Amino acid sequence: MVDGRQSNTPARRTNYSYIEEQNEERTELLNSKVNQLKHLAVQIGEETKFQNKYLKELHDNMDHTDSLVGQARRRVVLLARSGSWKIYLYLLLFALFIFLVIYFLIK
């Protein structure tokens, strides 16, 4: 029986070595995947920062545009309250003139 145990010992060592090699390969593969995920997470973080900056700029521009439109609307309301029909006529003629100029430029 002692001889049987001694003959099994090299086989156990080879199995152990084989298992260790597999573990090392799988560990390296796992490490590679973790590094890929880390790189992807960093890219997502950078893109998120860029998009947040872009959205903030867009929000600021929209606020500015909203204030300009509000000012123009108030002026039109004041113009409408003045009750002068001549202003409406001039505005209508001006708009018609602009449309005709654009029409002839395109044609």
PDB file of N, CA and C in Angstrom:
ATOM      1  N   MET A   1       0.801  -1.184   0.000  1.00  0.00           N
ATOM      2  CA  MET A   1       0.000   0.000   0.000  1.00  0.00           C
ATOM      3  C   MET A   1       0.851   1.258   0.000  1.00  0.00           C
ATOM      4  N   VAL A   2       1.959   1.195   0.615  1.00  0.00           N
ATOM      5  CA  VAL A   2       2.851   2.344   0.619  1.00  0.00           C
ATOM      6  C   VAL A   2       3.276   2.648  -0.808  1.00  0.00           C
ATOM      7  N   ASP A   3       3.540   1.599  -1.598  1.00  0.00           N
ATOM      8  CA  ASP A   3       3.922   1.804  -2.994  1.00  0.00           C
ATOM      9  C   ASP A   3       2.785   2.439  -3.787  1.00  0.00           C
ATOM     10  N   GLY A   4       1.550   2.073  -3.477  1.00  0.00           N
ATOM     11  CA  GLY A   4       0.387   2.646  -4.173  1.00  0.00           C
ATOM     12  C   GLY A   4       0.253   4.128  -3.890  1.00  0.00           C
ATOM     13  N   ARG A   5       0.522   4.523  -2.651  1.00  0.00           N
ATOM     14  CA  ARG A   5       0.432   5.943  -2.302  1.00  0.00           C
ATOM     15  C   ARG A   5       1.543   6.735  -2.974  1.00  0.00           C
ATOM     16  N   GLN A   6       2.687   6.144  -3.058  1.00  0.00           N
ATOM     17  CA  GLN A   6       3.802   6.852  -3.685  1.00  0.00           C
ATOM     18  C   GLN A   6       3.547   7.021  -5.182  1.00  0.00           C
ATOM     19  N   SER A   7       2.929   6.078  -5.838  1.00  0.00           N
ATOM     20  CA  SER A   7       2.662   6.197  -7.268  1.00  0.00           C
ATOM     21  C   SER A   7       1.530   7.195  -7.524  1.00  0.00           C
ATOM     22  N   ASN A   8       0.625   7.392  -6.575  1.00  0.00           N
ATOM     23  CA  ASN A   8      -0.462   8.367  -6.713  1.00  0.00           C
ATOM     24  C   ASN A   8       0.034   9.788  -6.489  1.00  0.00           C
ATOM     25  N   THR A   9       1.055   9.973  -5.704  1.00  0.00           N
ATOM     26  CA  THR A   9       1.536  11.308  -5.362  1.00  0.00           C
ATOM     27  C   THR A   9       1.944  12.105  -6.601  1.00  0.00           C
ATOM     28  N   PRO A  10       2.710  11.566  -7.548  1.00  0.00           N
ATOM     29  CA  PRO A  10       3.017  12.346  -8.745  1.00  0.00           C
ATOM     30  C   PRO A  10       1.771  12.668  -9.552  1.00  0.00           C
ATOM     31  N   ALA A  11       0.822  11.776  -9.607  1.00  0.00           N
ATOM     32  CA  ALA A  11      -0.422  12.029 -10.347  1.00  0.00           C
ATOM     33  C   ALA A  11      -1.201  13.150  -9.670  1.00  0.00           C
ATOM     34  N   ARG A  12      -1.221  13.145  -8.328  1.00  0.00           N
ATOM     35  CA  ARG A  12      -1.905  14.213  -7.597  1.00  0.00           C
ATOM     36  C   ARG A  12      -1.208  15.546  -7.846  1.00  0.00           C
ATOM     37  N   ARG A  13       0.111  15.518  -7.879  1.00  0.00           N
ATOM     38  CA  ARG A  13       0.855  16.755  -8.125  1.00  0.00           C
ATOM     39  C   ARG A  13       0.574  17.278  -9.532  1.00  0.00           C
ATOM     40  N   THR A  14       0.472  16.407 -10.523  1.00  0.00           N
ATOM     41  CA  THR A  14       0.172  16.857 -11.882  1.00  0.00           C
ATOM     42  C   THR A  14      -1.241  17.401 -11.952  1.00  0.00           C
ATOM     43  N   ASN A  15      -2.187  16.758 -11.303  1.00  0.00           N
ATOM     44  CA  ASN A  15      -3.556  17.281 -11.277  1.00  0.00           C
ATOM     45  C   ASN A  15      -3.582  18.640 -10.575  1.00  0.00           C
ATOM     46  N   TYR A  16      -2.839  18.726  -9.491  1.00  0.00           N
ATOM     47  CA  TYR A  16      -2.774  19.983  -8.747  1.00  0.00           C
ATOM     48  C   TYR A  16      -2.164  21.071  -9.612  1.00  0.00           C
ATOM     49  N   SER A  17      -1.093  20.749 -10.317  1.00  0.00           N
ATOM     50  CA  SER A  17      -0.441  21.719 -11.205  1.00  0.00           C
ATOM     51  C   SER A  17      -1.388  22.137 -12.324  1.00  0.00           C
ATOM     52  N   TYR A  18      -2.094  21.168 -12.877  1.00  0.00           N
ATOM     53  CA  TYR A  18      -3.038  21.457 -13.953  1.00  0.00           C
ATOM     54  C   TYR A  18      -4.150  22.384 -13.453  1.00  0.00           C
ATOM     55  N   ILE A  19      -4.667  22.095 -12.286  1.00  0.00           N
ATOM     56  CA  ILE A  19      -5.717  22.927 -11.697  1.00  0.00           C
ATOM     57  C   ILE A  19      -5.181  24.322 -11.403  1.00  0.00           C
ATOM     58  N   GLU A  20      -3.965  24.401 -10.898  1.00  0.00           N
ATOM     59  CA  GLU A  20      -3.344  25.701 -10.627  1.00  0.00           C
ATOM     60  C   GLU A  20      -3.172  26.500 -11.918  1.00  0.00           C
ATOM     61  N   GLU A  21      -2.754  25.843 -12.988  1.00  0.00           N
ATOM     62  CA  GLU A  21      -2.592  26.528 -14.277  1.00  0.00           C
ATOM     63  C   GLU A  21      -3.939  27.053 -14.779  1.00  0.00           C
ATOM     64  N   GLN A  22      -4.970  26.221 -14.650  1.00  0.00           N
ATOM     65  CA  GLN A  22      -6.307  26.658 -15.057  1.00  0.00           C
ATOM     66  C   GLN A  22      -6.756  27.858 -14.226  1.00  0.00           C
ATOM     67  N   ASN A  23      -6.502  27.785 -12.931  1.00  0.00           N
ATOM     68  CA  ASN A  23      -6.872  28.904 -12.061  1.00  0.00           C
ATOM     69  C   ASN A  23      -6.136  30.176 -12.465  1.00  0.00           C
ATOM     70  N   GLU A  24      -4.851  30.048 -12.766  1.00  0.00           N
ATOM     71  CA  GLU A  24      -4.067  31.212 -13.196  1.00  0.00           C
ATOM     72  C   GLU A  24      -4.615  31.792 -14.493  1.00  0.00           C
ATOM     73  N   GLU A  25      -4.929  30.934 -15.460  1.00  0.00           N
ATOM     74  CA  GLU A  25      -5.480  31.397 -16.741  1.00  0.00           C
ATOM     75  C   GLU A  25      -6.819  32.107 -16.533  1.00  0.00           C
ATOM     76  N   ARG A  26      -7.658  31.502 -15.715  1.00  0.00           N
ATOM     77  CA  ARG A  26      -8.968  32.105 -15.447  1.00  0.00           C
ATOM     78  C   ARG A  26      -8.840  33.411 -14.670  1.00  0.00           C
ATOM     79  N   THR A  27      -7.858  33.454 -13.775  1.00  0.00           N
ATOM     80  CA  THR A  27      -7.615  34.688 -13.029  1.00  0.00           C
ATOM     81  C   THR A  27      -7.148  35.798 -13.963  1.00  0.00           C
ATOM     82  N   GLU A  28      -6.263  35.458 -14.892  1.00  0.00           N
ATOM     83  CA  GLU A  28      -5.798  36.440 -15.868  1.00  0.00           C
ATOM     84  C   GLU A  28      -6.937  36.904 -16.770  1.00  0.00           C
ATOM     85  N   LEU A  29      -7.788  35.978 -17.197  1.00  0.00           N
ATOM     86  CA  LEU A  29      -8.942  36.320 -18.021  1.00  0.00           C
ATOM     87  C   LEU A  29      -9.895  37.239 -17.252  1.00  0.00           C
ATOM     88  N   LEU A  30     -10.142  36.909 -15.991  1.00  0.00           N
ATOM     89  CA  LEU A  30     -11.004  37.729 -15.146  1.00  0.00           C
ATOM     90  C   LEU A  30     -10.399  39.119 -14.950  1.00  0.00           C
ATOM     91  N   ASN A  31      -9.095  39.166 -14.734  1.00  0.00           N
ATOM     92  CA  ASN A  31      -8.396  40.442 -14.581  1.00  0.00           C
ATOM     93  C   ASN A  31      -8.532  41.285 -15.855  1.00  0.00           C
ATOM     94  N   SER A  32      -8.409  40.633 -16.993  1.00  0.00           N
ATOM     95  CA  SER A  32      -8.566  41.330 -18.275  1.00  0.00           C
ATOM     96  C   SER A  32      -9.973  41.905 -18.413  1.00  0.00           C
ATOM     97  N   LYS A  33     -10.973  41.123 -18.062  1.00  0.00           N
ATOM     98  CA  LYS A  33     -12.369  41.588 -18.140  1.00  0.00           C
ATOM     99  C   LYS A  33     -12.629  42.731 -17.171  1.00  0.00           C
ATOM    100  N   VAL A  34     -12.059  42.646 -15.985  1.00  0.00           N
ATOM    101  CA  VAL A  34     -12.215  43.722 -15.003  1.00  0.00           C
ATOM    102  C   VAL A  34     -11.575  45.008 -15.516  1.00  0.00           C
ATOM    103  N   ASN A  35     -10.401  44.899 -16.140  1.00  0.00           N
ATOM    104  CA  ASN A  35      -9.742  46.079 -16.708  1.00  0.00           C
ATOM    105  C   ASN A  35     -10.572  46.679 -17.837  1.00  0.00           C
ATOM    106  N   GLN A  36     -11.179  45.818 -18.663  1.00  0.00           N
ATOM    107  CA  GLN A  36     -12.050  46.318 -19.726  1.00  0.00           C
ATOM    108  C   GLN A  36     -13.249  47.060 -19.144  1.00  0.00           C
ATOM    109  N   LEU A  37     -13.852  46.483 -18.113  1.00  0.00           N
ATOM    110  CA  LEU A  37     -14.993  47.131 -17.463  1.00  0.00           C
ATOM    111  C   LEU A  37     -14.593  48.455 -16.823  1.00  0.00           C
ATOM    112  N   LYS A  38     -13.408  48.486 -16.225  1.00  0.00           N
ATOM    113  CA  LYS A  38     -12.919  49.723 -15.619  1.00  0.00           C
ATOM    114  C   LYS A  38     -12.737  50.798 -16.682  1.00  0.00           C
ATOM    115  N   HIS A  39     -12.122  50.425 -17.798  1.00  0.00           N
ATOM    116  CA  HIS A  39     -11.925  51.365 -18.898  1.00  0.00           C
ATOM    117  C   HIS A  39     -13.267  51.871 -19.428  1.00  0.00           C
ATOM    118  N   LEU A  40     -14.221  50.973 -19.570  1.00  0.00           N
ATOM    119  CA  LEU A  40     -15.561  51.348 -20.030  1.00  0.00           C
ATOM    120  C   LEU A  40     -16.243  52.283 -19.035  1.00  0.00           C
ATOM    121  N   ALA A  41     -16.101  52.017 -17.762  1.00  0.00           N
ATOM    122  CA  ALA A  41     -16.697  52.876 -16.733  1.00  0.00           C
ATOM    123  C   ALA A  41     -16.082  54.277 -16.756  1.00  0.00           C
ATOM    124  N   VAL A  42     -14.776  54.346 -16.989  1.00  0.00           N
ATOM    125  CA  VAL A  42     -14.113  55.653 -17.084  1.00  0.00           C
ATOM    126  C   VAL A  42     -14.628  56.414 -18.300  1.00  0.00           C
ATOM    127  N   GLN A  43     -14.789  55.725 -19.422  1.00  0.00           N
ATOM    128  CA  GLN A  43     -15.316  56.373 -20.623  1.00  0.00           C
ATOM    129  C   GLN A  43     -16.738  56.856 -20.399  1.00  0.00           C
ATOM    130  N   ILE A  44     -17.553  56.061 -19.732  1.00  0.00           N
ATOM    131  CA  ILE A  44     -18.930  56.465 -19.437  1.00  0.00           C
ATOM    132  C   ILE A  44     -18.930  57.696 -18.540  1.00  0.00           C
ATOM    133  N   GLY A  45     -18.042  57.729 -17.552  1.00  0.00           N
ATOM    134  CA  GLY A  45     -17.946  58.887 -16.670  1.00  0.00           C
ATOM    135  C   GLY A  45     -17.549  60.151 -17.419  1.00  0.00           C
ATOM    136  N   GLU A  46     -16.574  60.025 -18.330  1.00  0.00           N
ATOM    137  CA  GLU A  46     -16.151  61.187 -19.119  1.00  0.00           C
ATOM    138  C   GLU A  46     -17.278  61.672 -20.023  1.00  0.00           C
ATOM    139  N   GLU A  47     -17.976  60.740 -20.656  1.00  0.00           N
ATOM    140  CA  GLU A  47     -19.092  61.111 -21.537  1.00  0.00           C
ATOM    141  C   GLU A  47     -20.215  61.762 -20.742  1.00  0.00           C
ATOM    142  N   THR A  48     -20.457  61.264 -19.543  1.00  0.00           N
ATOM    143  CA  THR A  48     -21.493  61.846 -18.688  1.00  0.00           C
ATOM    144  C   THR A  48     -21.141  63.283 -18.321  1.00  0.00           C
ATOM    145  N   LYS A  49     -19.876  63.529 -17.971  1.00  0.00           N
ATOM    146  CA  LYS A  49     -19.449  64.892 -17.647  1.00  0.00           C
ATOM    147  C   LYS A  49     -19.632  65.809 -18.857  1.00  0.00           C
ATOM    148  N   PHE A  50     -19.240  65.327 -20.038  1.00  0.00           N
ATOM    149  CA  PHE A  50     -19.384  66.124 -21.251  1.00  0.00           C
ATOM    150  C   PHE A  50     -20.852  66.437 -21.530  1.00  0.00           C
ATOM    151  N   GLN A  51     -21.707  65.424 -21.410  1.00  0.00           N
ATOM    152  CA  GLN A  51     -23.133  65.623 -21.679  1.00  0.00           C
ATOM    153  C   GLN A  51     -23.763  66.565 -20.658  1.00  0.00           C
ATOM    154  N   ASN A  52     -23.373  66.467 -19.402  1.00  0.00           N
ATOM    155  CA  ASN A  52     -23.892  67.381 -18.374  1.00  0.00           C
ATOM    156  C   ASN A  52     -23.483  68.816 -18.666  1.00  0.00           C
ATOM    157  N   LYS A  53     -22.231  69.002 -19.093  1.00  0.00           N
ATOM    158  CA  LYS A  53     -21.758  70.340 -19.455  1.00  0.00           C
ATOM    159  C   LYS A  53     -22.559  70.876 -20.636  1.00  0.00           C
ATOM    160  N   TYR A  54     -22.768  70.024 -21.630  1.00  0.00           N
ATOM    161  CA  TYR A  54     -23.539  70.416 -22.815  1.00  0.00           C
ATOM    162  C   TYR A  54     -24.977  70.773 -22.433  1.00  0.00           C
ATOM    163  N   LEU A  55     -25.588  69.987 -21.585  1.00  0.00           N
ATOM    164  CA  LEU A  55     -26.962  70.261 -21.151  1.00  0.00           C
ATOM    165  C   LEU A  55     -27.052  71.562 -20.362  1.00  0.00           C
ATOM    166  N   LYS A  56     -26.040  71.853 -19.546  1.00  0.00           N
ATOM    167  CA  LYS A  56     -26.040  73.108 -18.796  1.00  0.00           C
ATOM    168  C   LYS A  56     -25.961  74.293 -19.748  1.00  0.00           C
ATOM    169  N   GLU A  57     -25.083  74.202 -20.761  1.00  0.00           N
ATOM    170  CA  GLU A  57     -24.977  75.268 -21.748  1.00  0.00           C
ATOM    171  C   GLU A  57     -26.286  75.429 -22.520  1.00  0.00           C
ATOM    172  N   LEU A  58     -26.902  74.309 -22.876  1.00  0.00           N
ATOM    173  CA  LEU A  58     -28.178  74.345 -23.588  1.00  0.00           C
ATOM    174  C   LEU A  58     -29.261  74.984 -22.722  1.00  0.00           C
ATOM    175  N   HIS A  59     -29.267  74.643 -21.447  1.00  0.00           N
ATOM    176  CA  HIS A  59     -30.241  75.220 -20.519  1.00  0.00           C
ATOM    177  C   HIS A  59     -30.039  76.738 -20.412  1.00  0.00           C
ATOM    178  N   ASP A  60     -28.784  77.179 -20.304  1.00  0.00           N
ATOM    179  CA  ASP A  60     -28.497  78.609 -20.225  1.00  0.00           C
ATOM    180  C   ASP A  60     -28.939  79.333 -21.501  1.00  0.00           C
ATOM    181  N   ASN A  61     -28.659  78.723 -22.650  1.00  0.00           N
ATOM    182  CA  ASN A  61     -29.078  79.325 -23.914  1.00  0.00           C
ATOM    183  C   ASN A  61     -30.597  79.400 -24.025  1.00  0.00           C
ATOM    184  N   MET A  62     -31.273  78.362 -23.571  1.00  0.00           N
ATOM    185  CA  MET A  62     -32.742  78.360 -23.616  1.00  0.00           C
ATOM    186  C   MET A  62     -33.309  79.428 -22.678  1.00  0.00           C
ATOM    187  N   ASP A  63     -32.713  79.611 -21.522  1.00  0.00           N
ATOM    188  CA  ASP A  63     -33.158  80.674 -20.610  1.00  0.00           C
ATOM    189  C   ASP A  63     -32.982  82.040 -21.248  1.00  0.00           C
ATOM    190  N   HIS A  64     -31.840  82.241 -21.898  1.00  0.00           N
ATOM    191  CA  HIS A  64     -31.590  83.521 -22.564  1.00  0.00           C
ATOM    192  C   HIS A  64     -32.603  83.756 -23.689  1.00  0.00           C
ATOM    193  N   THR A  65     -32.850  82.727 -24.491  1.00  0.00           N
ATOM    194  CA  THR A  65     -33.826  82.828 -25.582  1.00  0.00           C
ATOM    195  C   THR A  65     -35.217  83.077 -25.041  1.00  0.00           C
ATOM    196  N   ASP A  66     -35.555  82.410 -23.955  1.00  0.00           N
ATOM    197  CA  ASP A  66     -36.868  82.609 -23.336  1.00  0.00           C
ATOM    198  C   ASP A  66     -37.049  84.055 -22.881  1.00  0.00           C
ATOM    199  N   SER A  67     -36.007  84.642 -22.310  1.00  0.00           N
ATOM    200  CA  SER A  67     -36.121  86.035 -21.868  1.00  0.00           C
ATOM    201  C   SER A  67     -36.254  86.976 -23.067  1.00  0.00           C
ATOM    202  N   LEU A  68     -35.531  86.695 -24.155  1.00  0.00           N
ATOM    203  CA  LEU A  68     -35.655  87.519 -25.359  1.00  0.00           C
ATOM    204  C   LEU A  68     -37.051  87.419 -25.974  1.00  0.00           C
ATOM    205  N   VAL A  69     -37.601  86.221 -26.022  1.00  0.00           N
ATOM    206  CA  VAL A  69     -38.951  86.038 -26.560  1.00  0.00           C
ATOM    207  C   VAL A  69     -39.968  86.720 -25.656  1.00  0.00           C
ATOM    208  N   GLY A  70     -39.770  86.637 -24.347  1.00  0.00           N
ATOM    209  CA  GLY A  70     -40.672  87.318 -23.410  1.00  0.00           C
ATOM    210  C   GLY A  70     -40.656  88.825 -23.604  1.00  0.00           C
ATOM    211  N   GLN A  71     -39.470  89.395 -23.811  1.00  0.00           N
ATOM    212  CA  GLN A  71     -39.372  90.835 -24.061  1.00  0.00           C
ATOM    213  C   GLN A  71     -40.068  91.211 -25.364  1.00  0.00           C
ATOM    214  N   ALA A  72     -39.855  90.408 -26.406  1.00  0.00           N
ATOM    215  CA  ALA A  72     -40.504  90.693 -27.687  1.00  0.00           C
ATOM    216  C   ALA A  72     -42.021  90.576 -27.564  1.00  0.00           C
ATOM    217  N   ARG A  73     -42.493  89.593 -26.820  1.00  0.00           N
ATOM    218  CA  ARG A  73     -43.937  89.416 -26.627  1.00  0.00           C
ATOM    219  C   ARG A  73     -44.531  90.611 -25.890  1.00  0.00           C
ATOM    220  N   ARG A  74     -43.827  91.092 -24.868  1.00  0.00           N
ATOM    221  CA  ARG A  74     -44.319  92.265 -24.131  1.00  0.00           C
ATOM    222  C   ARG A  74     -44.401  93.491 -25.036  1.00  0.00           C
ATOM    223  N   ARG A  75     -43.428  93.634 -25.903  1.00  0.00           N
ATOM    224  CA  ARG A  75     -43.465  94.771 -26.833  1.00  0.00           C
ATOM    225  C   ARG A  75     -44.638  94.662 -27.795  1.00  0.00           C
ATOM    226  N   VAL A  76     -44.896  93.454 -28.285  1.00  0.00           N
ATOM    227  CA  VAL A  76     -46.030  93.262 -29.198  1.00  0.00           C
ATOM    228  C   VAL A  76     -47.337  93.528 -28.472  1.00  0.00           C
ATOM    229  N   VAL A  77     -47.433  93.088 -27.214  1.00  0.00           N
ATOM    230  CA  VAL A  77     -48.651  93.346 -26.436  1.00  0.00           C
ATOM    231  C   VAL A  77     -48.828  94.850 -26.236  1.00  0.00           C
ATOM    232  N   LEU A  78     -47.747  95.547 -25.915  1.00  0.00           N
ATOM    233  CA  LEU A  78     -47.844  97.007 -25.778  1.00  0.00           C
ATOM    234  C   LEU A  78     -48.247  97.659 -27.089  1.00  0.00           C
ATOM    235  N   LEU A  79     -47.744  97.160 -28.175  1.00  0.00           N
ATOM    236  CA  LEU A  79     -48.095  97.672 -29.489  1.00  0.00           C
ATOM    237  C   LEU A  79     -49.573  97.428 -29.777  1.00  0.00           C
ATOM    238  N   ALA A  80     -50.058  96.255 -29.407  1.00  0.00           N
ATOM    239  CA  ALA A  80     -51.464  95.934 -29.639  1.00  0.00           C
ATOM    240  C   ALA A  80     -52.370  96.793 -28.761  1.00  0.00           C
ATOM    241  N   ARG A  81     -51.935  97.100 -27.570  1.00  0.00           N
ATOM    242  CA  ARG A  81     -52.760  97.913 -26.667  1.00  0.00           C
ATOM    243  C   ARG A  81     -52.818  99.377 -27.101  1.00  0.00           C
ATOM    244  N   SER A  82     -51.815  99.793 -27.865  1.00  0.00           N
ATOM    245  CA  SER A  82     -51.825 101.192 -28.291  1.00  0.00           C
ATOM    246  C   SER A  82     -52.993 101.477 -29.223  1.00  0.00           C
ATOM    247  N   GLY A  83     -53.501 100.435 -29.907  1.00  0.00           N
ATOM    248  CA  GLY A  83     -54.699 100.578 -30.716  1.00  0.00           C
ATOM    249  C   GLY A  83     -54.483 101.282 -32.033  1.00  0.00           C
ATOM    250  N   SER A  84     -53.282 101.510 -32.450  1.00  0.00           N
ATOM    251  CA  SER A  84     -53.023 102.204 -33.707  1.00  0.00           C
ATOM    252  C   SER A  84     -53.114 101.221 -34.863  1.00  0.00           C
ATOM    253  N   TRP A  85     -54.078 101.434 -35.740  1.00  0.00           N
ATOM    254  CA  TRP A  85     -54.254 100.543 -36.884  1.00  0.00           C
ATOM    255  C   TRP A  85     -53.149 100.742 -37.913  1.00  0.00           C
ATOM    256  N   LYS A  86     -52.528 101.925 -37.923  1.00  0.00           N
ATOM    257  CA  LYS A  86     -51.471 102.194 -38.895  1.00  0.00           C
ATOM    258  C   LYS A  86     -50.256 101.285 -38.638  1.00  0.00           C
ATOM    259  N   ILE A  87     -49.974 101.013 -37.392  1.00  0.00           N
ATOM    260  CA  ILE A  87     -48.828 100.151 -37.057  1.00  0.00           C
ATOM    261  C   ILE A  87     -49.066  98.741 -37.577  1.00  0.00           C
ATOM    262  N   TYR A  88     -50.300  98.241 -37.426  1.00  0.00           N
ATOM    263  CA  TYR A  88     -50.631  96.914 -37.943  1.00  0.00           C
ATOM    264  C   TYR A  88     -50.501  96.891 -39.457  1.00  0.00           C
ATOM    265  N   LEU A  89     -50.951  97.963 -40.114  1.00  0.00           N
ATOM    266  CA  LEU A  89     -50.852  98.033 -41.569  1.00  0.00           C
ATOM    267  C   LEU A  89     -49.390  98.040 -42.003  1.00  0.00           C
ATOM    268  N   TYR A  90     -48.557  98.829 -41.343  1.00  0.00           N
ATOM    269  CA  TYR A  90     -47.139  98.860 -41.680  1.00  0.00           C
ATOM    270  C   TYR A  90     -46.475  97.495 -41.442  1.00  0.00           C
ATOM    271  N   LEU A  91     -46.851  96.863 -40.353  1.00  0.00           N
ATOM    272  CA  LEU A  91     -46.300  95.537 -40.048  1.00  0.00           C
ATOM    273  C   LEU A  91     -46.711  94.528 -41.110  1.00  0.00           C
ATOM    274  N   LEU A  92     -47.953  94.552 -41.518  1.00  0.00           N
ATOM    275  CA  LEU A  92     -48.451  93.644 -42.546  1.00  0.00           C
ATOM    276  C   LEU A  92     -47.750  93.914 -43.880  1.00  0.00           C
ATOM    277  N   LEU A  93     -47.605  95.167 -44.267  1.00  0.00           N
ATOM    278  CA  LEU A  93     -46.931  95.501 -45.516  1.00  0.00           C
ATOM    279  C   LEU A  93     -45.451  95.103 -45.478  1.00  0.00           C
ATOM    280  N   PHE A  94     -44.810  95.304 -44.351  1.00  0.00           N
ATOM    281  CA  PHE A  94     -43.413  94.911 -44.202  1.00  0.00           C
ATOM    282  C   PHE A  94     -43.242  93.394 -44.350  1.00  0.00           C
ATOM    283  N   ALA A  95     -44.123  92.644 -43.700  1.00  0.00           N
ATOM    284  CA  ALA A  95     -44.062  91.180 -43.792  1.00  0.00           C
ATOM    285  C   ALA A  95     -44.306  90.730 -45.229  1.00  0.00           C
ATOM    286  N   LEU A  96     -45.270  91.334 -45.901  1.00  0.00           N
ATOM    287  CA  LEU A  96     -45.553  90.996 -47.291  1.00  0.00           C
ATOM    288  C   LEU A  96     -44.350  91.306 -48.176  1.00  0.00           C
ATOM    289  N   PHE A  97     -43.717  92.439 -47.949  1.00  0.00           N
ATOM    290  CA  PHE A  97     -42.531  92.821 -48.710  1.00  0.00           C
ATOM    291  C   PHE A  97     -41.402  91.806 -48.513  1.00  0.00           C
ATOM    292  N   ILE A  98     -41.177  91.406 -47.285  1.00  0.00           N
ATOM    293  CA  ILE A  98     -40.121  90.432 -46.996  1.00  0.00           C
ATOM    294  C   ILE A  98     -40.416  89.105 -47.694  1.00  0.00           C
ATOM    295  N   PHE A  99     -41.658  88.649 -47.625  1.00  0.00           N
ATOM    296  CA  PHE A  99     -42.013  87.391 -48.289  1.00  0.00           C
ATOM    297  C   PHE A  99     -41.822  87.482 -49.799  1.00  0.00           C
ATOM    298  N   LEU A 100     -42.167  88.612 -50.396  1.00  0.00           N
ATOM    299  CA  LEU A 100     -41.990  88.781 -51.842  1.00  0.00           C
ATOM    300  C   LEU A 100     -40.502  88.789 -52.199  1.00  0.00           C
ATOM    301  N   VAL A 101     -39.690  89.465 -51.410  1.00  0.00           N
ATOM    302  CA  VAL A 101     -38.250  89.480 -51.680  1.00  0.00           C
ATOM    303  C   VAL A 101     -37.673  88.082 -51.596  1.00  0.00           C
ATOM    304  N   ILE A 102     -38.050  87.346 -50.575  1.00  0.00           N
ATOM    305  CA  ILE A 102     -37.554  85.967 -50.427  1.00  0.00           C
ATOM    306  C   ILE A 102     -38.043  85.101 -51.601  1.00  0.00           C
ATOM    307  N   TYR A 103     -39.304  85.283 -51.991  1.00  0.00           N
ATOM    308  CA  TYR A 103     -39.870  84.516 -53.090  1.00  0.00           C
ATOM    309  C   TYR A 103     -39.075  84.739 -54.385  1.00  0.00           C
ATOM    310  N   PHE A 104     -38.771  86.017 -54.686  1.00  0.00           N
ATOM    311  CA  PHE A 104     -38.047  86.325 -55.921  1.00  0.00           C
ATOM    312  C   PHE A 104     -36.579  85.897 -55.832  1.00  0.00           C
ATOM    313  N   LEU A 105     -36.007  85.899 -54.644  1.00  0.00           N
ATOM    314  CA  LEU A 105     -34.635  85.437 -54.489  1.00  0.00           C
ATOM    315  C   LEU A 105     -34.528  83.920 -54.688  1.00  0.00           C
ATOM    316  N   ILE A 106     -35.498  83.227 -54.204  1.00  0.00           N
ATOM    317  CA  ILE A 106     -35.494  81.758 -54.345  1.00  0.00           C
ATOM    318  C   ILE A 106     -35.791  81.353 -55.777  1.00  0.00           C
ATOM    319  N   LYS A 107     -36.720  82.064 -56.416  1.00  0.00           N
ATOM    320  CA  LYS A 107     -37.108  81.743 -57.787  1.00  0.00           C
ATOM    321  C   LYS A 107     -35.989  82.090 -58.686  1.00  0.00           C
TER     322      LYS A 107
END
